[in-house]
Amino acid sequence: MKNKLANIFLLGTFLCTVGCASHSKVGYIESAELRTTSADFGASDLQQVAVKMVDSLLSFPPIVQLTSTRRPILSIDRVKNKTMQHIDTESITDQIRSKLIQSGRFRFIDRTTDDAAIDEIKTQQESGLVKKSSQLKFGTQSGAEFLVTANLSEITQRNGDLKEVYYKFTMNLKNLKTGILEWSDEKEIRKLSERSTFGW
C-alpha cells in the first residue's frame, strides 16, 4: 500500500511539473521596452545613457557647425567604471560609437585593431605575396582630431529597507590639437529598491 501511494505521489509530481513547464511562455521584447529589475546598472540604463549623450553631442551648436561641411575623425576611450559594480563598459562604449557613426557626421579611429593592421601591412611588405604597386605602407593612416572620454560613477544610500542608487554618467569631447574641451554633458539616473525577505 505504501509503495502504491509513493508511486501515485511521484506520478502526480511528474504530471504537475510537465504541466507547469508546458504553460511557460517565452518571447522577445523591443530593446526600448526593457524594464529595470533591480537598483543595479542594467541594459535599459545603458540605452538611456547612449541616447542622451549622442543626442546632446549632435545637437550642440558648435558641433552642428563643425560637422556641417565635413566628418571629423574621433577616437573613443573605453568608459571608466568608477562604481562598485561589475559593469560591461565596453558595451556602453560600443553603443555610443555606433550611434555616432550612424549619424553620418563622424568617422572613428579603431585602436583595438592596430595590432592586426600592423601584422597585415608587414605581411604585404615582407611575404612577397603582394605586388609592390598595391602594398600598403606605414605612416599613411589618418590621426584622430578629437578624443571622446567618459566616466560612470555611483552613490548608494540606505535607509532601513530602502536603497537609493544615484548614477552619474559624464562624457567629454577633447580637441587633441588644442587640448580644449569642446563639449561635455552628464546623464543622471536614480534608482530606488526595497529590500525583500531574501535581501536586495
Protein backbone atom coordinates (compact mmCIF):
# COMPACT_ATOMS: atom_id res chain seq x y z
CA MET A 1 0.00 0.00 0.00
CA LYS A 2 2.82 2.37 0.89
CA ASN A 3 4.52 1.65 -2.44
CA LYS A 4 1.31 2.42 -4.34
CA LEU A 5 0.88 5.74 -2.52
CA ALA A 6 4.50 6.64 -3.18
CA ASN A 7 4.09 5.84 -6.88
CA ILE A 8 0.90 7.92 -7.09
CA PHE A 9 2.65 10.84 -5.41
CA LEU A 10 5.63 10.62 -7.79
CA LEU A 11 3.31 10.41 -10.80
CA GLY A 12 1.35 13.44 -9.61
CA THR A 13 4.55 15.41 -9.08
CA PHE A 14 5.77 14.49 -12.57
CA LEU A 15 2.47 15.47 -14.22
CA CYS A 16 2.43 18.77 -12.34
CA THR A 17 6.00 19.51 -13.41
CA VAL A 18 5.28 18.71 -17.05
CA GLY A 19 2.03 20.66 -16.97
CA CYS A 20 3.61 23.73 -15.44
CA ALA A 21 6.52 23.62 -17.86
CA SER A 22 4.26 23.30 -20.87
CA HIS A 23 2.48 26.55 -19.97
CA SER A 24 5.62 28.70 -19.71
CA LYS A 25 5.90 31.35 -22.40
CA VAL A 26 8.99 32.91 -23.91
CA GLY A 27 9.04 35.88 -26.26
CA TYR A 28 11.03 38.85 -27.50
CA ILE A 29 10.63 42.45 -26.39
CA GLU A 30 11.89 45.60 -28.06
CA SER A 31 15.10 46.90 -26.50
CA ALA A 32 13.32 50.22 -25.86
CA GLU A 33 10.86 48.36 -23.62
CA LEU A 34 13.49 46.90 -21.31
CA ARG A 35 12.44 47.21 -17.69
CA THR A 36 14.61 47.59 -14.65
CA THR A 37 14.53 44.69 -12.21
CA SER A 38 16.98 45.96 -9.58
CA ALA A 39 18.90 49.02 -8.48
CA ASP A 40 21.95 47.75 -10.37
CA PHE A 41 23.02 49.44 -13.60
CA GLY A 42 21.32 47.45 -16.36
CA ALA A 43 20.58 47.29 -20.08
CA SER A 44 17.82 49.90 -20.03
CA ASP A 45 20.16 52.32 -18.20
CA LEU A 46 22.85 51.70 -20.81
CA GLN A 47 20.41 52.58 -23.57
CA GLN A 48 19.25 55.76 -21.80
CA VAL A 49 22.84 56.90 -21.43
CA ALA A 50 23.80 56.22 -25.04
CA VAL A 51 20.75 58.01 -26.47
CA LYS A 52 21.11 61.03 -24.17
CA MET A 53 24.83 61.52 -24.81
CA VAL A 54 24.63 61.14 -28.58
CA ASP A 55 21.61 63.43 -28.88
CA SER A 56 23.33 66.05 -26.72
CA LEU A 57 26.55 65.97 -28.73
CA LEU A 58 24.82 66.07 -32.12
CA SER A 59 22.59 69.00 -31.14
CA PHE A 60 25.35 71.13 -29.57
CA PRO A 61 25.57 74.23 -31.83
CA PRO A 62 29.39 74.32 -32.28
CA ILE A 63 29.36 70.61 -33.15
CA VAL A 64 26.49 71.13 -35.59
CA GLN A 65 28.55 73.85 -37.29
CA LEU A 66 31.73 71.75 -37.24
CA THR A 67 30.06 68.74 -38.88
CA SER A 68 28.05 70.71 -41.44
CA THR A 69 30.78 70.55 -44.09
CA ARG A 70 32.96 67.59 -43.06
CA ARG A 71 33.15 64.46 -40.90
CA PRO A 72 35.75 64.90 -38.12
CA ILE A 73 37.76 61.87 -37.05
CA LEU A 74 37.22 60.74 -33.45
CA SER A 75 38.85 58.24 -31.14
CA ILE A 76 36.79 56.92 -28.23
CA ASP A 77 38.32 55.77 -24.98
CA ARG A 78 36.65 52.95 -23.07
CA VAL A 79 34.19 54.21 -20.45
CA LYS A 80 35.80 54.22 -16.99
CA ASN A 81 33.79 52.34 -14.38
CA LYS A 82 34.02 54.17 -11.03
CA THR A 83 31.18 52.20 -9.43
CA MET A 84 31.38 49.21 -7.08
CA GLN A 85 29.58 47.03 -9.63
CA HIS A 86 30.89 44.85 -12.44
CA ILE A 87 29.60 46.73 -15.50
CA ASP A 88 30.40 45.92 -19.11
CA THR A 89 31.61 49.40 -20.02
CA GLU A 90 32.73 48.12 -23.42
CA SER A 91 29.05 47.72 -24.34
CA ILE A 92 28.34 51.36 -23.44
CA THR A 93 31.38 52.49 -25.42
CA ASP A 94 30.38 50.44 -28.46
CA GLN A 95 26.79 51.66 -28.41
CA ILE A 96 27.80 55.33 -28.23
CA ARG A 97 30.33 54.88 -31.05
CA SER A 98 27.78 53.03 -33.22
CA LYS A 99 25.16 55.74 -32.77
CA LEU A 100 27.66 58.49 -33.62
CA ILE A 101 28.81 56.65 -36.75
CA GLN A 102 25.20 56.04 -37.82
CA SER A 103 24.56 59.77 -37.55
CA GLY A 104 26.80 60.19 -40.58
CA ARG A 105 28.65 63.13 -39.01
CA PHE A 106 31.79 61.44 -37.69
CA ARG A 107 34.48 58.94 -38.58
CA PHE A 108 36.35 56.88 -35.99
CA ILE A 109 39.85 55.56 -35.39
CA ASP A 110 39.65 51.99 -34.02
CA ARG A 111 42.75 51.41 -31.89
CA THR A 112 41.59 47.93 -30.83
CA THR A 113 42.59 46.55 -34.26
CA ASP A 114 46.01 48.25 -34.53
CA ASP A 115 47.97 45.03 -33.90
CA ALA A 116 46.07 43.20 -36.63
CA ALA A 117 46.59 46.13 -39.02
CA ILE A 118 50.33 46.16 -38.33
CA ASP A 119 50.57 42.42 -38.98
CA GLU A 120 48.67 42.80 -42.27
CA ILE A 121 50.91 45.63 -43.52
CA LYS A 122 54.04 43.66 -42.54
CA THR A 123 52.71 40.64 -44.40
CA GLN A 124 52.07 42.70 -47.52
CA GLN A 125 55.58 44.17 -47.42
CA GLU A 126 57.61 41.12 -46.39
CA SER A 127 55.85 37.98 -47.60
CA GLY A 128 56.47 38.52 -51.30
CA LEU A 129 52.85 37.59 -52.00
CA VAL A 130 51.56 41.11 -52.74
CA LYS A 131 52.69 43.12 -55.76
CA LYS A 132 54.51 46.32 -54.83
CA SER A 133 52.06 48.64 -56.56
CA SER A 134 49.28 47.60 -54.14
CA GLN A 135 51.33 47.17 -50.95
CA LEU A 136 50.29 49.42 -48.08
CA LYS A 137 52.93 51.48 -46.28
CA PHE A 138 53.33 52.53 -42.66
CA GLY A 139 52.66 56.15 -41.80
CA THR A 140 49.71 56.75 -44.12
CA GLN A 141 46.80 56.39 -41.71
CA SER A 142 44.80 59.41 -40.58
CA GLY A 143 45.03 60.56 -36.99
CA ALA A 144 42.14 61.36 -34.67
CA GLU A 145 41.22 65.02 -34.27
CA PHE A 146 39.09 64.57 -31.16
CA LEU A 147 39.05 62.17 -28.20
CA VAL A 148 35.81 61.01 -26.54
CA THR A 149 36.14 60.06 -22.86
CA ALA A 150 33.51 59.05 -20.30
CA ASN A 151 33.10 58.09 -16.64
CA LEU A 152 30.34 56.23 -14.79
CA SER A 153 30.10 56.79 -11.03
CA GLU A 154 27.59 55.90 -8.31
CA ILE A 155 26.49 56.95 -4.83
CA THR A 156 24.46 54.49 -2.75
CA GLN A 157 22.33 55.45 0.27
CA ARG A 158 20.38 53.11 2.53
CA ASN A 159 17.52 53.97 4.86
CA GLY A 160 16.06 50.92 6.55
CA ASP A 161 14.62 48.65 3.86
CA LEU A 162 15.07 51.25 1.13
CA LYS A 163 18.15 51.62 -1.05
CA GLU A 164 18.67 54.54 -3.41
CA VAL A 165 21.41 54.42 -6.01
CA TYR A 166 22.44 57.57 -7.86
CA TYR A 167 24.35 57.07 -11.12
CA LYS A 168 26.13 59.84 -12.98
CA PHE A 169 27.49 59.34 -16.49
CA THR A 170 29.78 62.08 -17.79
CA MET A 171 31.10 62.28 -21.37
CA ASN A 172 33.61 64.74 -22.85
CA LEU A 173 34.91 65.67 -26.31
CA LYS A 174 38.52 66.93 -26.31
CA ASN A 175 40.26 68.64 -29.21
CA LEU A 176 43.57 66.77 -29.49
CA LYS A 177 45.32 69.59 -31.36
CA THR A 178 44.45 72.41 -28.96
CA GLY A 179 43.72 70.46 -25.76
CA ILE A 180 40.42 72.33 -25.48
CA LEU A 181 37.35 70.54 -24.09
CA GLU A 182 34.86 71.26 -26.86
CA TRP A 183 31.79 69.60 -25.29
CA SER A 184 30.71 67.89 -22.08
CA ASP A 185 27.43 66.60 -20.69
CA GLU A 186 26.01 64.42 -17.92
CA LYS A 187 23.21 61.91 -17.56
CA GLU A 188 21.84 61.20 -14.08
CA ILE A 189 19.86 58.10 -13.15
CA ARG A 190 18.30 57.47 -9.73
CA LYS A 191 17.01 54.04 -8.80
CA LEU A 192 15.12 53.04 -5.66
CA SER A 193 14.71 49.48 -4.41
CA GLU A 194 13.08 47.94 -1.33
CA ARG A 195 14.67 45.02 0.46
CA SER A 196 12.74 41.77 0.17
CA THR A 197 12.84 38.80 2.51
CA PHE A 198 15.79 37.40 0.58
CA GLY A 199 17.87 40.60 0.53
CA TRP A 200 18.38 43.39 -2.01
